[in-house]
Amino acid sequence: MIKNLVKAKMESGQIAYGTFNAIKDPAIIEMMGHAGYDFTIIDMEHSMTTLGEVLAMARAADLSGITPIVRVPRGDTNTVMRVVEAGIPGVIAPHITSAADAQAIVDAAKYHPIGQRGMDPSTRSANYHIDSWAEHMTRSNQEVIVMIIIEDREGVENLDEICQVKGVDIGGIGPSDLSRSYGVPGQVDHPDVVAAVRRTTAKYHEYGIRVQRAGFDDATVAEAIASGATMITTPIVDSYFIADCFRTHLRRIKSVVEAG
C-alpha cells in the first residue's frame, strides 16, 4: 500500500497540501509529486476518469512520492471498495447528508472491526497476497483515510449524527453546492452559506475530525488554516490552475506586443 503522507503530516501537527486532479494524465501527478505536494485528489465525480486511469495515476503517485486519494461518485460504495483494493490509501465521499451515508462509505473502505470491507488477499492493496493477510488488514485500517464532504443543507442539519460515525477521519466542506442547497447558487459569501461553513467546521473540531478546506489564493489559504484546517487544496483544481496560467501568460504577451 502507498504510504499515506496526509495522515503522517496531520498526525505530526503539520499542514498537508494538495489539489484536485481532473486532467487524466499520470504526468500531472508526477509533476505535483516532484514539486513537493503531499497529495492529489483524483476526481471521479466531476471528471470522466475511469478506474483504469485511476490505477495508472496511482502508480505515478507511488513513483513520485505523492499520496493519491480518490473522490468517488455520490453514494458509490462499489467504487470505494475497488479504489482501496487498488492500494489507494484514501477515499472522499461527496454529498454526505446522513449518518447512514457516512457509515456506508466507512463500511466499504475499512475492514472489521471499523467497517465491513470485503476480503480478498489477491488485490494490489495486499501486494497480491505476498504480505501477511492479518498485517495487511491492520495496516489498511491504519493508513486508509475516509473523508466526507458536507455540501447540502440536510448534511449541515444532521452534522451531530454524521460526525459520530466511527471511521470518518477528515471532513470537507463544499461552499458552492451549499450555496445551491440554500437557494443562493453561486453566492458562496451569502450569510447563510458562511454560517453553514462555520457550523460545519466547528462540528468537525468538536468531534475530533480533521478539517479539509480549499484555498483559491493566499487569503483563502490563510483563512482556512486560521479556521483549524490541516488539509489544504491549493490550487483548487489542476485544470483551473493550468487554464489560468495559459490565460495570464497570453494576456501578458499580448500586452507586450501591443505596447511595442
C-alpha atoms as a PDB file:
ATOM      1  CA  MET A   1       0.000   0.000   0.000  1.00  0.00           C
ATOM      2  CA  ILE A   2       1.169   3.533  -0.833  1.00  0.00           C
ATOM      3  CA  LYS A   3       2.370   5.477   2.211  1.00  0.00           C
ATOM      4  CA  ASN A   4      -0.251   7.957   3.365  1.00  0.00           C
ATOM      5  CA  LEU A   5       1.569  11.286   3.639  1.00  0.00           C
ATOM      6  CA  VAL A   6      -1.660  13.102   4.504  1.00  0.00           C
ATOM      7  CA  LYS A   7      -2.168  11.082   7.652  1.00  0.00           C
ATOM      8  CA  ALA A   8       1.508  11.257   8.628  1.00  0.00           C
ATOM      9  CA  LYS A   9       1.616  15.037   8.164  1.00  0.00           C
ATOM     10  CA  MET A  10      -1.541  15.725  10.137  1.00  0.00           C
ATOM     11  CA  GLU A  11      -0.614  13.357  12.959  1.00  0.00           C
ATOM     12  CA  SER A  12       2.674  15.217  13.349  1.00  0.00           C
ATOM     13  CA  GLY A  13       0.869  18.565  13.514  1.00  0.00           C
ATOM     14  CA  GLN A  14       1.784  19.707  10.006  1.00  0.00           C
ATOM     15  CA  ILE A  15      -0.367  21.005   7.129  1.00  0.00           C
ATOM     16  CA  ALA A  16      -0.870  18.665   4.153  1.00  0.00           C
ATOM     17  CA  TYR A  17      -1.043  20.409   0.767  1.00  0.00           C
ATOM     18  CA  GLY A  18      -2.555  19.056  -2.445  1.00  0.00           C
ATOM     19  CA  THR A  19      -5.079  19.738  -5.165  1.00  0.00           C
ATOM     20  CA  PHE A  20      -7.941  18.114  -7.030  1.00  0.00           C
ATOM     21  CA  ASN A  21      -6.932  16.336 -10.221  1.00  0.00           C
ATOM     22  CA  ALA A  22      -9.265  16.489 -13.224  1.00  0.00           C
ATOM     23  CA  ILE A  23      -6.718  16.004 -16.023  1.00  0.00           C
ATOM     24  CA  LYS A  24      -6.468  12.309 -16.839  1.00  0.00           C
ATOM     25  CA  ASP A  25      -2.724  12.067 -17.299  1.00  0.00           C
ATOM     26  CA  PRO A  26      -0.207  10.462 -14.901  1.00  0.00           C
ATOM     27  CA  ALA A  27       2.321  13.144 -15.883  1.00  0.00           C
ATOM     28  CA  ILE A  28       0.289  15.726 -13.951  1.00  0.00           C
ATOM     29  CA  ILE A  29       0.551  13.551 -10.843  1.00  0.00           C
ATOM     30  CA  GLU A  30       4.297  13.199 -11.347  1.00  0.00           C
ATOM     31  CA  MET A  31       4.711  16.965 -11.715  1.00  0.00           C
ATOM     32  CA  MET A  32       2.839  17.549  -8.466  1.00  0.00           C
ATOM     33  CA  GLY A  33       4.860  14.922  -6.629  1.00  0.00           C
ATOM     34  CA  HIS A  34       8.194  16.272  -7.815  1.00  0.00           C
ATOM     35  CA  ALA A  35       7.030  19.822  -6.979  1.00  0.00           C
ATOM     36  CA  GLY A  36       6.623  18.739  -3.353  1.00  0.00           C
ATOM     37  CA  TYR A  37       2.868  18.363  -2.904  1.00  0.00           C
ATOM     38  CA  ASP A  38       1.694  15.862  -0.293  1.00  0.00           C
ATOM     39  CA  PHE A  39      -1.439  14.569  -2.009  1.00  0.00           C
ATOM     40  CA  THR A  40      -3.555  14.650  -5.125  1.00  0.00           C
ATOM     41  CA  ILE A  41      -7.307  14.061  -5.169  1.00  0.00           C
ATOM     42  CA  ILE A  42      -8.182  12.142  -8.313  1.00  0.00           C
ATOM     43  CA  ASP A  43     -11.711  13.198  -9.162  1.00  0.00           C
ATOM     44  CA  MET A  44     -14.207  10.596 -10.351  1.00  0.00           C
ATOM     45  CA  GLU A  45     -17.253  12.717  -9.504  1.00  0.00           C
ATOM     46  CA  HIS A  46     -16.925  15.593 -11.967  1.00  0.00           C
ATOM     47  CA  SER A  47     -14.495  14.097 -14.495  1.00  0.00           C
ATOM     48  CA  MET A  48     -14.592  11.217 -16.988  1.00  0.00           C
ATOM     49  CA  THR A  49     -11.707   9.411 -15.268  1.00  0.00           C
ATOM     50  CA  THR A  50     -12.041   5.617 -15.280  1.00  0.00           C
ATOM     51  CA  LEU A  51     -10.780   3.117 -12.717  1.00  0.00           C
ATOM     52  CA  GLY A  52      -8.066   2.011 -15.123  1.00  0.00           C
ATOM     53  CA  GLU A  53      -6.840   5.579 -15.423  1.00  0.00           C
ATOM     54  CA  VAL A  54      -7.005   5.957 -11.644  1.00  0.00           C
ATOM     55  CA  LEU A  55      -4.698   2.961 -11.257  1.00  0.00           C
ATOM     56  CA  ALA A  56      -2.186   4.406 -13.743  1.00  0.00           C
ATOM     57  CA  MET A  57      -2.198   7.705 -11.849  1.00  0.00           C
ATOM     58  CA  ALA A  58      -1.798   5.892  -8.526  1.00  0.00           C
ATOM     59  CA  ARG A  59       1.316   4.179  -9.860  1.00  0.00           C
ATOM     60  CA  ALA A  60       2.683   7.555 -10.974  1.00  0.00           C
ATOM     61  CA  ALA A  61       1.950   8.884  -7.480  1.00  0.00           C
ATOM     62  CA  ASP A  62       3.810   5.993  -5.899  1.00  0.00           C
ATOM     63  CA  LEU A  63       6.891   6.699  -8.025  1.00  0.00           C
ATOM     64  CA  SER A  64       6.880  10.454  -7.452  1.00  0.00           C
ATOM     65  CA  GLY A  65       6.241  10.429  -3.697  1.00  0.00           C
ATOM     66  CA  ILE A  66       2.738  11.875  -3.521  1.00  0.00           C
ATOM     67  CA  THR A  67      -0.331  10.323  -1.900  1.00  0.00           C
ATOM     68  CA  PRO A  68      -3.303   9.665  -4.200  1.00  0.00           C
ATOM     69  CA  ILE A  69      -6.837   9.968  -2.844  1.00  0.00           C
ATOM     70  CA  VAL A  70      -9.947   9.377  -4.945  1.00  0.00           C
ATOM     71  CA  ARG A  71     -13.201  11.324  -4.841  1.00  0.00           C
ATOM     72  CA  VAL A  72     -15.829   8.781  -5.811  1.00  0.00           C
ATOM     73  CA  PRO A  73     -19.255   9.475  -7.326  1.00  0.00           C
ATOM     74  CA  ARG A  74     -22.034  10.164  -4.835  1.00  0.00           C
ATOM     75  CA  GLY A  75     -23.079   7.065  -2.887  1.00  0.00           C
ATOM     76  CA  ASP A  76     -20.911   4.742  -4.993  1.00  0.00           C
ATOM     77  CA  THR A  77     -19.695   2.246  -2.407  1.00  0.00           C
ATOM     78  CA  ASN A  78     -18.691  -0.294  -5.073  1.00  0.00           C
ATOM     79  CA  THR A  79     -16.163   2.194  -6.429  1.00  0.00           C
ATOM     80  CA  VAL A  80     -14.951   2.885  -2.879  1.00  0.00           C
ATOM     81  CA  MET A  81     -14.109  -0.794  -2.414  1.00  0.00           C
ATOM     82  CA  ARG A  82     -12.376  -1.076  -5.785  1.00  0.00           C
ATOM     83  CA  VAL A  83     -10.326   2.057  -5.127  1.00  0.00           C
ATOM     84  CA  VAL A  84      -8.966   0.854  -1.778  1.00  0.00           C
ATOM     85  CA  GLU A  85      -8.324  -2.621  -3.169  1.00  0.00           C
ATOM     86  CA  ALA A  86      -6.185  -0.940  -5.832  1.00  0.00           C
ATOM     87  CA  GLY A  87      -3.944   0.174  -2.979  1.00  0.00           C
ATOM     88  CA  ILE A  88      -5.073   3.794  -2.861  1.00  0.00           C
ATOM     89  CA  PRO A  89      -4.947   4.988   0.755  1.00  0.00           C
ATOM     90  CA  GLY A  90      -7.890   7.338   0.808  1.00  0.00           C
ATOM     91  CA  VAL A  91     -11.381   8.000  -0.499  1.00  0.00           C
ATOM     92  CA  ILE A  92     -13.540  11.106  -0.489  1.00  0.00           C
ATOM     93  CA  ALA A  93     -17.312  10.839  -0.447  1.00  0.00           C
ATOM     94  CA  PRO A  94     -19.295  13.867  -1.674  1.00  0.00           C
ATOM     95  CA  HIS A  95     -22.785  14.957  -0.653  1.00  0.00           C
ATOM     96  CA  ILE A  96     -22.956  13.182   2.701  1.00  0.00           C
ATOM     97  CA  THR A  97     -26.332  14.066   4.189  1.00  0.00           C
ATOM     98  CA  SER A  98     -26.847  11.441   6.905  1.00  0.00           C
ATOM     99  CA  ALA A  99     -25.062   9.114   9.298  1.00  0.00           C
ATOM    100  CA  ALA A 100     -26.160   6.219   7.083  1.00  0.00           C
ATOM    101  CA  ASP A 101     -24.368   7.805   4.109  1.00  0.00           C
ATOM    102  CA  ALA A 102     -21.145   8.135   6.096  1.00  0.00           C
ATOM    103  CA  GLN A 103     -21.412   4.651   7.560  1.00  0.00           C
ATOM    104  CA  ALA A 104     -21.802   3.101   4.112  1.00  0.00           C
ATOM    105  CA  ILE A 105     -18.539   4.705   2.961  1.00  0.00           C
ATOM    106  CA  VAL A 106     -16.671   3.570   6.086  1.00  0.00           C
ATOM    107  CA  ASP A 107     -18.049   0.039   5.694  1.00  0.00           C
ATOM    108  CA  ALA A 108     -16.750  -0.145   2.116  1.00  0.00           C
ATOM    109  CA  ALA A 109     -13.323   1.368   2.863  1.00  0.00           C
ATOM    110  CA  LYS A 110     -12.285  -0.240   6.143  1.00  0.00           C
ATOM    111  CA  TYR A 111     -12.057  -3.761   7.472  1.00  0.00           C
ATOM    112  CA  HIS A 112     -13.749  -5.133  10.591  1.00  0.00           C
ATOM    113  CA  PRO A 113     -13.926  -4.011  13.371  1.00  0.00           C
ATOM    114  CA  ILE A 114     -14.165  -0.473  11.939  1.00  0.00           C
ATOM    115  CA  GLY A 115     -16.033  -1.292   8.730  1.00  0.00           C
ATOM    116  CA  GLN A 116     -17.231  -4.198   6.621  1.00  0.00           C
ATOM    117  CA  ARG A 117     -14.787  -4.111   3.709  1.00  0.00           C
ATOM    118  CA  GLY A 118     -14.831  -7.256   1.597  1.00  0.00           C
ATOM    119  CA  MET A 119     -11.930  -9.667   1.984  1.00  0.00           C
ATOM    120  CA  ASP A 120      -9.727 -10.680  -0.944  1.00  0.00           C
ATOM    121  CA  PRO A 121      -5.996 -11.242  -0.378  1.00  0.00           C
ATOM    122  CA  SER A 122      -5.173 -11.257  -4.111  1.00  0.00           C
ATOM    123  CA  THR A 123      -5.539  -7.486  -4.589  1.00  0.00           C
ATOM    124  CA  ARG A 124      -2.861  -4.875  -5.258  1.00  0.00           C
ATOM    125  CA  SER A 125      -3.506  -3.364  -1.824  1.00  0.00           C
ATOM    126  CA  ALA A 126      -2.399  -6.670  -0.249  1.00  0.00           C
ATOM    127  CA  ASN A 127       0.629  -6.900  -2.576  1.00  0.00           C
ATOM    128  CA  TYR A 128      -1.114  -9.758  -4.384  1.00  0.00           C
ATOM    129  CA  HIS A 129      -1.153 -11.981  -1.280  1.00  0.00           C
ATOM    130  CA  ILE A 130       2.585 -11.671  -0.717  1.00  0.00           C
ATOM    131  CA  ASP A 131       2.020  -9.859   2.574  1.00  0.00           C
ATOM    132  CA  SER A 132       0.601 -11.365   5.728  1.00  0.00           C
ATOM    133  CA  TRP A 133      -3.179 -11.079   5.490  1.00  0.00           C
ATOM    134  CA  ALA A 134      -3.572 -10.095   9.142  1.00  0.00           C
ATOM    135  CA  GLU A 135      -0.867  -7.430   8.817  1.00  0.00           C
ATOM    136  CA  HIS A 136      -2.478  -6.140   5.630  1.00  0.00           C
ATOM    137  CA  MET A 137      -5.862  -5.647   7.301  1.00  0.00           C
ATOM    138  CA  THR A 138      -4.295  -3.872  10.278  1.00  0.00           C
ATOM    139  CA  ARG A 139      -2.168  -1.636   8.069  1.00  0.00           C
ATOM    140  CA  SER A 140      -5.107  -0.822   5.791  1.00  0.00           C
ATOM    141  CA  ASN A 141      -7.287   0.282   8.686  1.00  0.00           C
ATOM    142  CA  GLN A 142      -4.432   2.473   9.892  1.00  0.00           C
ATOM    143  CA  GLU A 143      -3.488   4.006   6.537  1.00  0.00           C
ATOM    144  CA  VAL A 144      -6.733   4.311   4.566  1.00  0.00           C
ATOM    145  CA  ILE A 145      -8.458   7.604   5.284  1.00  0.00           C
ATOM    146  CA  VAL A 146     -12.148   8.282   4.794  1.00  0.00           C
ATOM    147  CA  MET A 147     -13.069  11.870   4.063  1.00  0.00           C
ATOM    148  CA  ILE A 148     -16.628  13.119   3.791  1.00  0.00           C
ATOM    149  CA  ILE A 149     -17.835  16.352   2.251  1.00  0.00           C
ATOM    150  CA  ILE A 150     -20.810  18.295   3.600  1.00  0.00           C
ATOM    151  CA  GLU A 151     -22.324  20.264   0.720  1.00  0.00           C
ATOM    152  CA  ASP A 152     -26.081  20.114   1.313  1.00  0.00           C
ATOM    153  CA  ARG A 153     -28.356  21.817   3.835  1.00  0.00           C
ATOM    154  CA  GLU A 154     -29.564  18.399   5.007  1.00  0.00           C
ATOM    155  CA  GLY A 155     -25.989  17.408   5.803  1.00  0.00           C
ATOM    156  CA  VAL A 156     -25.476  20.547   7.891  1.00  0.00           C
ATOM    157  CA  GLU A 157     -28.672  19.818   9.805  1.00  0.00           C
ATOM    158  CA  ASN A 158     -27.540  16.235  10.512  1.00  0.00           C
ATOM    159  CA  LEU A 159     -23.951  17.032  11.499  1.00  0.00           C
ATOM    160  CA  ASP A 160     -24.131  15.647  15.027  1.00  0.00           C
ATOM    161  CA  GLU A 161     -25.234  12.224  13.812  1.00  0.00           C
ATOM    162  CA  ILE A 162     -22.794  12.221  10.878  1.00  0.00           C
ATOM    163  CA  CYS A 163     -19.788  13.199  12.979  1.00  0.00           C
ATOM    164  CA  GLN A 164     -20.409  10.355  15.415  1.00  0.00           C
ATOM    165  CA  VAL A 165     -19.760   7.693  12.746  1.00  0.00           C
ATOM    166  CA  LYS A 166     -16.554   5.903  13.715  1.00  0.00           C
ATOM    167  CA  GLY A 167     -14.038   5.678  10.901  1.00  0.00           C
ATOM    168  CA  VAL A 168     -14.560   9.161   9.445  1.00  0.00           C
ATOM    169  CA  ASP A 169     -11.103  10.721   9.501  1.00  0.00           C
ATOM    170  CA  ILE A 170     -11.436  14.027   7.654  1.00  0.00           C
ATOM    171  CA  GLY A 171     -14.304  16.391   6.958  1.00  0.00           C
ATOM    172  CA  GLY A 172     -14.541  18.654   3.950  1.00  0.00           C
ATOM    173  CA  ILE A 173     -16.954  21.442   3.039  1.00  0.00           C
ATOM    174  CA  GLY A 174     -18.386  22.347  -0.367  1.00  0.00           C
ATOM    175  CA  PRO A 175     -19.414  26.019  -0.309  1.00  0.00           C
ATOM    176  CA  SER A 176     -20.522  26.081  -3.960  1.00  0.00           C
ATOM    177  CA  ASP A 177     -23.002  23.234  -3.561  1.00  0.00           C
ATOM    178  CA  LEU A 178     -24.055  24.614  -0.193  1.00  0.00           C
ATOM    179  CA  SER A 179     -24.998  27.851  -1.924  1.00  0.00           C
ATOM    180  CA  ARG A 180     -27.192  25.883  -4.305  1.00  0.00           C
ATOM    181  CA  SER A 181     -28.735  23.939  -1.446  1.00  0.00           C
ATOM    182  CA  TYR A 182     -29.528  27.148   0.447  1.00  0.00           C
ATOM    183  CA  GLY A 183     -31.204  28.653  -2.619  1.00  0.00           C
ATOM    184  CA  VAL A 184     -28.477  31.176  -3.473  1.00  0.00           C
ATOM    185  CA  PRO A 185     -26.467  29.350  -6.174  1.00  0.00           C
ATOM    186  CA  GLY A 186     -23.009  30.765  -6.688  1.00  0.00           C
ATOM    187  CA  GLN A 187     -23.226  33.126  -3.716  1.00  0.00           C
ATOM    188  CA  VAL A 188     -20.599  31.476  -1.524  1.00  0.00           C
ATOM    189  CA  ASP A 189     -20.310  34.660   0.564  1.00  0.00           C
ATOM    190  CA  HIS A 190     -24.033  34.716   1.379  1.00  0.00           C
ATOM    191  CA  PRO A 191     -24.604  34.864   5.167  1.00  0.00           C
ATOM    192  CA  ASP A 192     -26.460  31.529   5.167  1.00  0.00           C
ATOM    193  CA  VAL A 193     -23.599  29.785   3.372  1.00  0.00           C
ATOM    194  CA  VAL A 194     -20.928  31.394   5.548  1.00  0.00           C
ATOM    195  CA  ALA A 195     -22.858  30.331   8.660  1.00  0.00           C
ATOM    196  CA  ALA A 196     -23.157  26.760   7.331  1.00  0.00           C
ATOM    197  CA  VAL A 197     -19.402  26.593   6.657  1.00  0.00           C
ATOM    198  CA  ARG A 198     -18.618  27.858  10.150  1.00  0.00           C
ATOM    199  CA  ARG A 199     -21.068  25.483  11.785  1.00  0.00           C
ATOM    200  CA  THR A 200     -19.675  22.517   9.858  1.00  0.00           C
ATOM    201  CA  THR A 201     -16.100  23.418  10.716  1.00  0.00           C
ATOM    202  CA  ALA A 202     -16.963  23.806  14.387  1.00  0.00           C
ATOM    203  CA  LYS A 203     -18.732  20.425  14.480  1.00  0.00           C
ATOM    204  CA  TYR A 204     -15.767  18.683  12.884  1.00  0.00           C
ATOM    205  CA  HIS A 205     -13.499  20.119  15.572  1.00  0.00           C
ATOM    206  CA  GLU A 206     -15.981  19.223  18.305  1.00  0.00           C
ATOM    207  CA  TYR A 207     -15.921  15.557  17.283  1.00  0.00           C
ATOM    208  CA  GLY A 208     -12.182  15.349  16.644  1.00  0.00           C
ATOM    209  CA  ILE A 209     -12.453  15.129  12.845  1.00  0.00           C
ATOM    210  CA  ARG A 210      -9.655  16.835  10.948  1.00  0.00           C
ATOM    211  CA  VAL A 211     -10.737  19.522   8.500  1.00  0.00           C
ATOM    212  CA  GLN A 212     -10.073  19.961   4.769  1.00  0.00           C
ATOM    213  CA  ARG A 213     -10.590  23.346   3.148  1.00  0.00           C
ATOM    214  CA  ALA A 214      -9.978  24.800  -0.304  1.00  0.00           C
ATOM    215  CA  GLY A 215      -7.510  27.628  -0.846  1.00  0.00           C
ATOM    216  CA  PHE A 216      -8.092  29.670  -4.006  1.00  0.00           C
ATOM    217  CA  ASP A 217      -5.446  32.268  -3.166  1.00  0.00           C
ATOM    218  CA  ASP A 218      -3.179  33.456  -0.348  1.00  0.00           C
ATOM    219  CA  ALA A 219      -6.055  34.993   1.601  1.00  0.00           C
ATOM    220  CA  THR A 220      -8.320  31.928   1.496  1.00  0.00           C
ATOM    221  CA  VAL A 221      -5.423  29.623   2.408  1.00  0.00           C
ATOM    222  CA  ALA A 222      -4.659  31.800   5.430  1.00  0.00           C
ATOM    223  CA  GLU A 223      -8.349  31.847   6.415  1.00  0.00           C
ATOM    224  CA  ALA A 224      -8.588  28.057   6.063  1.00  0.00           C
ATOM    225  CA  ILE A 225      -5.570  27.483   8.273  1.00  0.00           C
ATOM    226  CA  ALA A 226      -6.846  30.012  10.808  1.00  0.00           C
ATOM    227  CA  SER A 227     -10.095  28.010  10.972  1.00  0.00           C
ATOM    228  CA  GLY A 228      -8.094  24.942  12.015  1.00  0.00           C
ATOM    229  CA  ALA A 229      -7.900  23.144   8.673  1.00  0.00           C
ATOM    230  CA  THR A 230      -4.908  20.810   8.321  1.00  0.00           C
ATOM    231  CA  MET A 231      -5.570  19.557   4.782  1.00  0.00           C
ATOM    232  CA  ILE A 232      -5.472  22.301   2.152  1.00  0.00           C
ATOM    233  CA  THR A 233      -6.249  22.007  -1.563  1.00  0.00           C
ATOM    234  CA  THR A 234      -4.485  24.770  -3.451  1.00  0.00           C
ATOM    235  CA  PRO A 235      -4.892  25.486  -6.280  1.00  0.00           C
ATOM    236  CA  ILE A 236      -8.354  24.013  -6.044  1.00  0.00           C
ATOM    237  CA  VAL A 237      -8.238  22.049  -9.347  1.00  0.00           C
ATOM    238  CA  ASP A 238      -5.320  21.327 -11.695  1.00  0.00           C
ATOM    239  CA  SER A 239      -7.331  22.142 -14.834  1.00  0.00           C
ATOM    240  CA  TYR A 240      -8.357  25.548 -13.440  1.00  0.00           C
ATOM    241  CA  PHE A 241      -4.763  26.314 -12.489  1.00  0.00           C
ATOM    242  CA  ILE A 242      -3.323  25.381 -15.882  1.00  0.00           C
ATOM    243  CA  ALA A 243      -6.061  27.249 -17.780  1.00  0.00           C
ATOM    244  CA  ASP A 244      -5.429  30.323 -15.640  1.00  0.00           C
ATOM    245  CA  CYS A 245      -1.679  30.101 -16.324  1.00  0.00           C
ATOM    246  CA  PHE A 246      -2.321  29.972 -20.064  1.00  0.00           C
ATOM    247  CA  ARG A 247      -4.746  32.907 -19.870  1.00  0.00           C
ATOM    248  CA  THR A 248      -2.382  35.018 -17.749  1.00  0.00           C
ATOM    249  CA  HIS A 249       0.611  34.275 -19.964  1.00  0.00           C
ATOM    250  CA  LEU A 250      -1.248  35.097 -23.174  1.00  0.00           C
ATOM    251  CA  ARG A 251      -2.572  38.380 -21.793  1.00  0.00           C
ATOM    252  CA  ARG A 252       0.936  39.376 -20.716  1.00  0.00           C
ATOM    253  CA  ILE A 253       2.451  38.506 -24.086  1.00  0.00           C
ATOM    254  CA  LYS A 254      -0.302  40.385 -25.957  1.00  0.00           C
ATOM    255  CA  SER A 255       0.140  43.453 -23.756  1.00  0.00           C
ATOM    256  CA  VAL A 256       3.881  43.485 -24.524  1.00  0.00           C
ATOM    257  CA  VAL A 257       3.280  43.133 -28.272  1.00  0.00           C
ATOM    258  CA  GLU A 258       0.564  45.785 -28.322  1.00  0.00           C
ATOM    259  CA  ALA A 259       2.721  48.186 -26.289  1.00  0.00           C
ATOM    260  CA  GLY A 260       5.713  47.700 -28.607  1.00  0.00           C
END
